[in-house]
Amino acid sequence: MMRLALLTAAILALAACGEKPQTAAGVKSDTAAYQGTSNAFNAPGWKAGDKAAWEQQLKTRAQAGQNEYNRVK
C-alpha cells in the first residue's frame, strides 16, 4: 500500500513537469512601433511611418495623460 502511494506521488510529481513551452505565436516584432498598424485604432492626426509624430505623441501622452501632477488640480 505504501509503495502504491509513493508511486502515485512520483507519477503526479513528474506529470507537473510536462508543461508545454509558451511562445508568442503570431506576433510580428520585426517592424518599428511607429510604422503603425492596419486598423482604425490609431491616434487622430497620426500617420503611419512618421517617427517624429510618433515620438511627439508619446511625449504628449506622458505629460498630459499619465502625469498625475498635471491631472489633479
N, C-alpha and C. Protein backbone atom coordinates (compact mmCIF):
# COMPACT_ATOMS: atom_id res chain seq x y z
N MET A 1 0.83 -1.19 0.00
CA MET A 1 0.00 0.00 0.00
C MET A 1 0.87 1.26 0.00
N MET A 2 1.96 1.21 0.77
CA MET A 2 2.86 2.37 0.84
C MET A 2 3.57 2.58 -0.49
N ARG A 3 3.93 1.48 -1.14
CA ARG A 3 4.59 1.60 -2.45
C ARG A 3 3.65 2.22 -3.48
N LEU A 4 2.41 1.83 -3.43
CA LEU A 4 1.44 2.38 -4.36
C LEU A 4 1.26 3.88 -4.15
N ALA A 5 1.24 4.31 -2.91
CA ALA A 5 1.12 5.74 -2.61
C ALA A 5 2.34 6.50 -3.08
N LEU A 6 3.54 5.95 -2.86
CA LEU A 6 4.77 6.60 -3.31
C LEU A 6 4.83 6.65 -4.84
N LEU A 7 4.43 5.57 -5.48
CA LEU A 7 4.43 5.52 -6.94
C LEU A 7 3.44 6.54 -7.51
N THR A 8 2.28 6.64 -6.90
CA THR A 8 1.29 7.62 -7.34
C THR A 8 1.81 9.04 -7.14
N ALA A 9 2.45 9.31 -6.01
CA ALA A 9 3.01 10.64 -5.75
C ALA A 9 4.12 10.97 -6.75
N ALA A 10 4.94 9.99 -7.08
CA ALA A 10 6.02 10.21 -8.04
C ALA A 10 5.47 10.49 -9.43
N ILE A 11 4.44 9.77 -9.82
CA ILE A 11 3.82 9.99 -11.13
C ILE A 11 3.18 11.37 -11.20
N LEU A 12 2.52 11.78 -10.16
CA LEU A 12 1.91 13.11 -10.13
C LEU A 12 2.97 14.21 -10.14
N ALA A 13 4.06 13.99 -9.44
CA ALA A 13 5.14 14.98 -9.42
C ALA A 13 5.78 15.11 -10.79
N LEU A 14 5.98 14.01 -11.48
CA LEU A 14 6.56 14.07 -12.81
C LEU A 14 5.58 14.61 -13.84
N ALA A 15 4.31 14.42 -13.63
CA ALA A 15 3.32 14.94 -14.56
C ALA A 15 3.29 16.47 -14.55
N ALA A 16 3.65 17.06 -13.44
CA ALA A 16 3.68 18.52 -13.34
C ALA A 16 4.81 19.11 -14.16
N CYS A 17 5.81 18.33 -14.48
CA CYS A 17 6.95 18.81 -15.26
C CYS A 17 6.67 18.79 -16.76
N GLY A 18 5.53 18.37 -17.16
CA GLY A 18 5.23 18.22 -18.57
C GLY A 18 4.56 19.42 -19.20
N GLU A 19 4.76 20.61 -18.68
CA GLU A 19 4.13 21.79 -19.25
C GLU A 19 4.72 22.11 -20.61
N LYS A 20 3.88 22.46 -21.55
CA LYS A 20 4.33 22.80 -22.89
C LYS A 20 4.93 24.21 -22.87
N PRO A 21 5.94 24.47 -23.69
CA PRO A 21 6.53 25.82 -23.74
C PRO A 21 5.52 26.83 -24.30
N GLN A 22 5.53 28.01 -23.73
CA GLN A 22 4.61 29.06 -24.17
C GLN A 22 5.38 30.03 -25.06
N THR A 23 4.94 30.17 -26.27
CA THR A 23 5.60 31.06 -27.22
C THR A 23 4.60 32.11 -27.69
N ALA A 24 5.11 33.18 -28.18
CA ALA A 24 4.27 34.26 -28.71
C ALA A 24 3.94 33.93 -30.16
N ALA A 25 2.93 33.14 -30.37
CA ALA A 25 2.56 32.71 -31.72
C ALA A 25 1.84 33.84 -32.45
N GLY A 26 2.27 34.11 -33.64
CA GLY A 26 1.59 35.11 -34.46
C GLY A 26 2.01 36.54 -34.19
N VAL A 27 2.98 36.78 -33.33
CA VAL A 27 3.40 38.14 -33.02
C VAL A 27 4.57 38.50 -33.92
N LYS A 28 4.42 39.58 -34.67
CA LYS A 28 5.50 40.05 -35.53
C LYS A 28 6.16 41.24 -34.86
N SER A 29 7.40 41.11 -34.49
CA SER A 29 8.10 42.23 -33.85
C SER A 29 9.28 42.69 -34.69
N ASP A 30 9.20 42.46 -36.01
CA ASP A 30 10.31 42.84 -36.86
C ASP A 30 10.17 44.24 -37.45
N THR A 31 9.11 44.96 -37.10
CA THR A 31 8.94 46.33 -37.56
C THR A 31 8.93 47.26 -36.36
N ALA A 32 9.29 48.50 -36.61
CA ALA A 32 9.30 49.50 -35.55
C ALA A 32 7.87 49.87 -35.17
N ALA A 33 7.68 50.31 -33.95
CA ALA A 33 6.34 50.63 -33.46
C ALA A 33 5.72 51.80 -34.22
N TYR A 34 6.52 52.75 -34.66
CA TYR A 34 5.99 53.91 -35.35
C TYR A 34 5.55 53.59 -36.78
N GLN A 35 5.80 52.38 -37.26
CA GLN A 35 5.35 52.00 -38.60
C GLN A 35 3.83 51.84 -38.65
N GLY A 36 3.22 51.64 -37.49
CA GLY A 36 1.77 51.62 -37.43
C GLY A 36 1.15 50.26 -37.65
N THR A 37 -0.16 50.27 -37.65
CA THR A 37 -0.93 49.06 -37.84
C THR A 37 -1.91 49.27 -38.97
N SER A 38 -2.60 48.23 -39.33
CA SER A 38 -3.57 48.34 -40.42
C SER A 38 -5.00 48.45 -39.89
N ASN A 39 -5.16 48.88 -38.65
CA ASN A 39 -6.51 49.01 -38.11
C ASN A 39 -6.86 50.48 -37.87
N ALA A 40 -8.07 50.71 -37.46
CA ALA A 40 -8.56 52.09 -37.29
C ALA A 40 -8.36 52.62 -35.88
N PHE A 41 -7.59 51.96 -35.04
CA PHE A 41 -7.45 52.38 -33.66
C PHE A 41 -6.18 53.19 -33.43
N ASN A 42 -5.83 54.05 -34.35
CA ASN A 42 -4.67 54.92 -34.21
C ASN A 42 -5.12 56.26 -33.64
N ALA A 43 -4.16 57.01 -33.09
CA ALA A 43 -4.48 58.33 -32.57
C ALA A 43 -4.86 59.25 -33.72
N PRO A 44 -5.84 60.12 -33.51
CA PRO A 44 -6.24 61.01 -34.59
C PRO A 44 -5.11 61.96 -34.97
N GLY A 45 -4.91 62.14 -36.27
CA GLY A 45 -3.89 63.04 -36.77
C GLY A 45 -2.53 62.39 -36.95
N TRP A 46 -2.38 61.16 -36.57
CA TRP A 46 -1.09 60.48 -36.71
C TRP A 46 -1.10 59.62 -37.96
N LYS A 47 0.00 59.70 -38.73
CA LYS A 47 0.13 58.90 -39.94
C LYS A 47 1.18 57.83 -39.72
N ALA A 48 0.90 56.63 -40.18
CA ALA A 48 1.84 55.51 -40.01
C ALA A 48 3.15 55.80 -40.72
N GLY A 49 4.26 55.53 -40.04
CA GLY A 49 5.59 55.72 -40.60
C GLY A 49 6.24 57.04 -40.23
N ASP A 50 5.52 57.94 -39.57
CA ASP A 50 6.06 59.25 -39.19
C ASP A 50 6.67 59.13 -37.79
N LYS A 51 7.98 58.95 -37.75
CA LYS A 51 8.67 58.71 -36.47
C LYS A 51 8.62 59.94 -35.55
N ALA A 52 8.79 61.12 -36.11
CA ALA A 52 8.77 62.33 -35.29
C ALA A 52 7.40 62.54 -34.65
N ALA A 53 6.35 62.32 -35.43
CA ALA A 53 5.00 62.46 -34.88
C ALA A 53 4.72 61.40 -33.82
N TRP A 54 5.26 60.20 -34.02
CA TRP A 54 5.10 59.12 -33.04
C TRP A 54 5.74 59.51 -31.71
N GLU A 55 6.97 60.03 -31.78
CA GLU A 55 7.67 60.43 -30.55
C GLU A 55 6.97 61.59 -29.87
N GLN A 56 6.45 62.53 -30.66
CA GLN A 56 5.72 63.67 -30.09
C GLN A 56 4.44 63.20 -29.41
N GLN A 57 3.75 62.24 -30.02
CA GLN A 57 2.52 61.70 -29.43
C GLN A 57 2.82 61.02 -28.11
N LEU A 58 3.92 60.26 -28.03
CA LEU A 58 4.30 59.61 -26.78
C LEU A 58 4.64 60.64 -25.70
N LYS A 59 5.35 61.68 -26.08
CA LYS A 59 5.72 62.72 -25.12
C LYS A 59 4.47 63.45 -24.61
N THR A 60 3.56 63.77 -25.51
CA THR A 60 2.33 64.46 -25.12
C THR A 60 1.49 63.58 -24.20
N ARG A 61 1.37 62.31 -24.54
CA ARG A 61 0.58 61.40 -23.71
C ARG A 61 1.20 61.23 -22.32
N ALA A 62 2.52 61.17 -22.27
CA ALA A 62 3.19 61.01 -20.98
C ALA A 62 3.01 62.26 -20.10
N GLN A 63 3.03 63.43 -20.71
CA GLN A 63 2.91 64.66 -19.94
C GLN A 63 1.47 64.99 -19.58
N ALA A 64 0.55 64.81 -20.51
CA ALA A 64 -0.82 65.24 -20.28
C ALA A 64 -1.70 64.14 -19.68
N GLY A 65 -1.55 62.92 -20.13
CA GLY A 65 -2.48 61.89 -19.73
C GLY A 65 -2.01 61.00 -18.61
N GLN A 66 -0.71 60.86 -18.42
CA GLN A 66 -0.21 59.93 -17.43
C GLN A 66 0.54 60.60 -16.29
N ASN A 67 0.59 61.91 -16.28
CA ASN A 67 1.28 62.64 -15.23
C ASN A 67 0.25 63.10 -14.21
N GLU A 68 0.27 62.51 -13.03
CA GLU A 68 -0.75 62.83 -12.01
C GLU A 68 -0.65 64.26 -11.52
N TYR A 69 0.53 64.87 -11.57
CA TYR A 69 0.66 66.26 -11.12
C TYR A 69 -0.10 67.20 -12.05
N ASN A 70 -0.17 66.87 -13.33
CA ASN A 70 -0.91 67.71 -14.28
C ASN A 70 -2.41 67.42 -14.24
N ARG A 71 -2.80 66.19 -13.95
CA ARG A 71 -4.20 65.79 -14.00
C ARG A 71 -5.00 66.27 -12.79
N VAL A 72 -4.40 66.25 -11.60
CA VAL A 72 -5.12 66.58 -10.38
C VAL A 72 -4.92 68.06 -10.07
N LYS A 73 -6.04 68.78 -10.07
CA LYS A 73 -5.96 70.21 -9.75
C LYS A 73 -7.13 70.62 -8.91
